Protein backbone atom coordinates (compact mmCIF):
# COMPACT_ATOMS: atom_id res chain seq x y z
CA MET A 1 18.85 -41.24 19.93
CA PRO A 2 16.97 -44.19 18.38
CA GLY A 3 14.21 -45.50 20.61
CA LEU A 4 13.85 -42.28 22.66
CA TRP A 5 10.65 -40.42 21.84
CA HIS A 6 9.02 -37.26 23.12
CA HIS A 7 5.55 -35.80 22.67
CA LYS A 8 5.35 -32.42 20.93
CA THR A 9 2.78 -30.86 23.28
CA ARG A 10 2.82 -33.00 26.45
CA PRO A 11 5.58 -33.24 29.11
CA ILE A 12 6.30 -36.88 28.37
CA LYS A 13 9.22 -38.90 27.00
CA PHE A 14 9.53 -42.63 26.58
CA CYS A 15 12.16 -45.14 25.67
CA LEU A 16 11.24 -48.23 23.67
CA VAL A 17 13.42 -51.34 23.80
CA VAL A 18 11.83 -54.31 21.99
CA ASP A 19 8.66 -54.64 24.09
CA ASP A 20 9.56 -52.55 27.16
CA PHE A 21 8.65 -48.90 27.63
CA GLY A 22 10.27 -46.63 30.16
CA ILE A 23 8.20 -43.46 30.55
CA LYS A 24 9.18 -40.13 32.09
CA TYR A 25 6.21 -37.86 32.64
CA VAL A 26 5.00 -34.85 34.58
CA GLY A 27 1.39 -35.44 35.59
CA LYS A 28 -0.16 -38.90 35.54
CA GLU A 29 -2.80 -37.73 33.05
CA HIS A 30 -0.09 -37.52 30.38
CA ALA A 31 1.13 -41.06 31.06
CA ASP A 32 -2.51 -42.21 30.99
CA HIS A 33 -2.89 -40.51 27.59
CA LEU A 34 0.04 -42.52 26.18
CA LEU A 35 -1.17 -45.73 27.81
CA HIS A 36 -4.65 -45.24 26.34
CA ALA A 37 -3.16 -44.72 22.86
CA LEU A 38 -1.09 -47.91 23.21
CA THR A 39 -3.91 -50.08 24.57
CA THR A 40 -6.11 -49.31 21.57
CA LYS A 41 -3.75 -51.46 19.48
CA TYR A 42 -1.68 -53.56 21.94
CA GLU A 43 -2.01 -55.52 25.16
CA CYS A 44 -0.13 -53.69 27.90
CA THR A 45 0.77 -54.21 31.52
CA THR A 46 1.91 -51.43 33.82
CA ASP A 47 4.36 -51.11 36.68
CA TRP A 48 3.65 -47.68 38.15
CA GLU A 49 6.46 -48.10 40.69
CA GLY A 50 9.03 -48.67 37.93
CA LYS A 51 10.68 -51.66 39.61
CA LEU A 52 11.72 -53.55 36.46
CA TYR A 53 12.92 -52.44 33.01
CA CYS A 54 14.58 -54.67 30.40
CA GLY A 55 15.38 -57.29 33.05
CA ILE A 56 17.05 -54.73 35.34
CA SER A 57 15.64 -54.26 38.84
CA LEU A 58 15.32 -50.61 39.83
CA ALA A 59 15.22 -49.43 43.46
CA TRP A 60 14.24 -45.74 43.42
CA ASN A 61 15.23 -43.42 46.28
CA TYR A 62 13.51 -40.13 45.54
CA ASP A 63 14.53 -38.55 48.86
CA GLU A 64 18.24 -38.95 48.08
CA CYS A 65 17.77 -38.54 44.30
CA HIS A 66 19.26 -41.84 43.12
CA VAL A 67 18.33 -45.23 41.77
CA THR A 68 20.08 -48.55 42.41
CA LEU A 69 20.23 -50.95 39.45
CA THR A 70 20.63 -54.70 40.00
CA MET A 71 20.32 -57.94 38.07
CA PRO A 72 19.92 -60.43 40.94
CA LYS A 73 19.63 -63.62 38.87
CA TYR A 74 22.11 -62.69 36.13
CA VAL A 75 25.23 -64.46 37.46
CA PRO A 76 23.50 -67.72 38.53
CA ASN A 77 21.68 -67.85 35.17
CA ALA A 78 24.95 -67.25 33.28
CA HIS A 79 26.67 -70.01 35.28
CA HIS A 80 23.89 -72.39 34.30
CA LYS A 81 23.77 -71.25 30.66
CA PHE A 82 27.52 -71.70 30.14
CA ASN A 83 27.78 -74.80 32.35
CA HIS A 84 30.28 -73.05 34.60
CA THR A 85 31.14 -74.57 37.95
CA ARG A 86 32.44 -72.46 40.80
CA PRO A 87 36.18 -72.78 41.41
CA LYS A 88 37.25 -74.25 44.77
């Protein structure tokens, strides 16, 4: 799959979409290794809680093994962009 990468010797995978990375790792030291490699060439910010990816808000529930995806401002922004008024 284009944009999905994995490390040959470390338990880490990441997905690259334009300028967003989503990283799956086992052991923070492996994520830190990738982050160190990236910050030698690029400016990076981190969100260790994984609350936002590609404009999608993520609410993780590890106890129940699920994640809720939302785009809270998507509909109001689309209404504004397309000059759509709400029907009565």
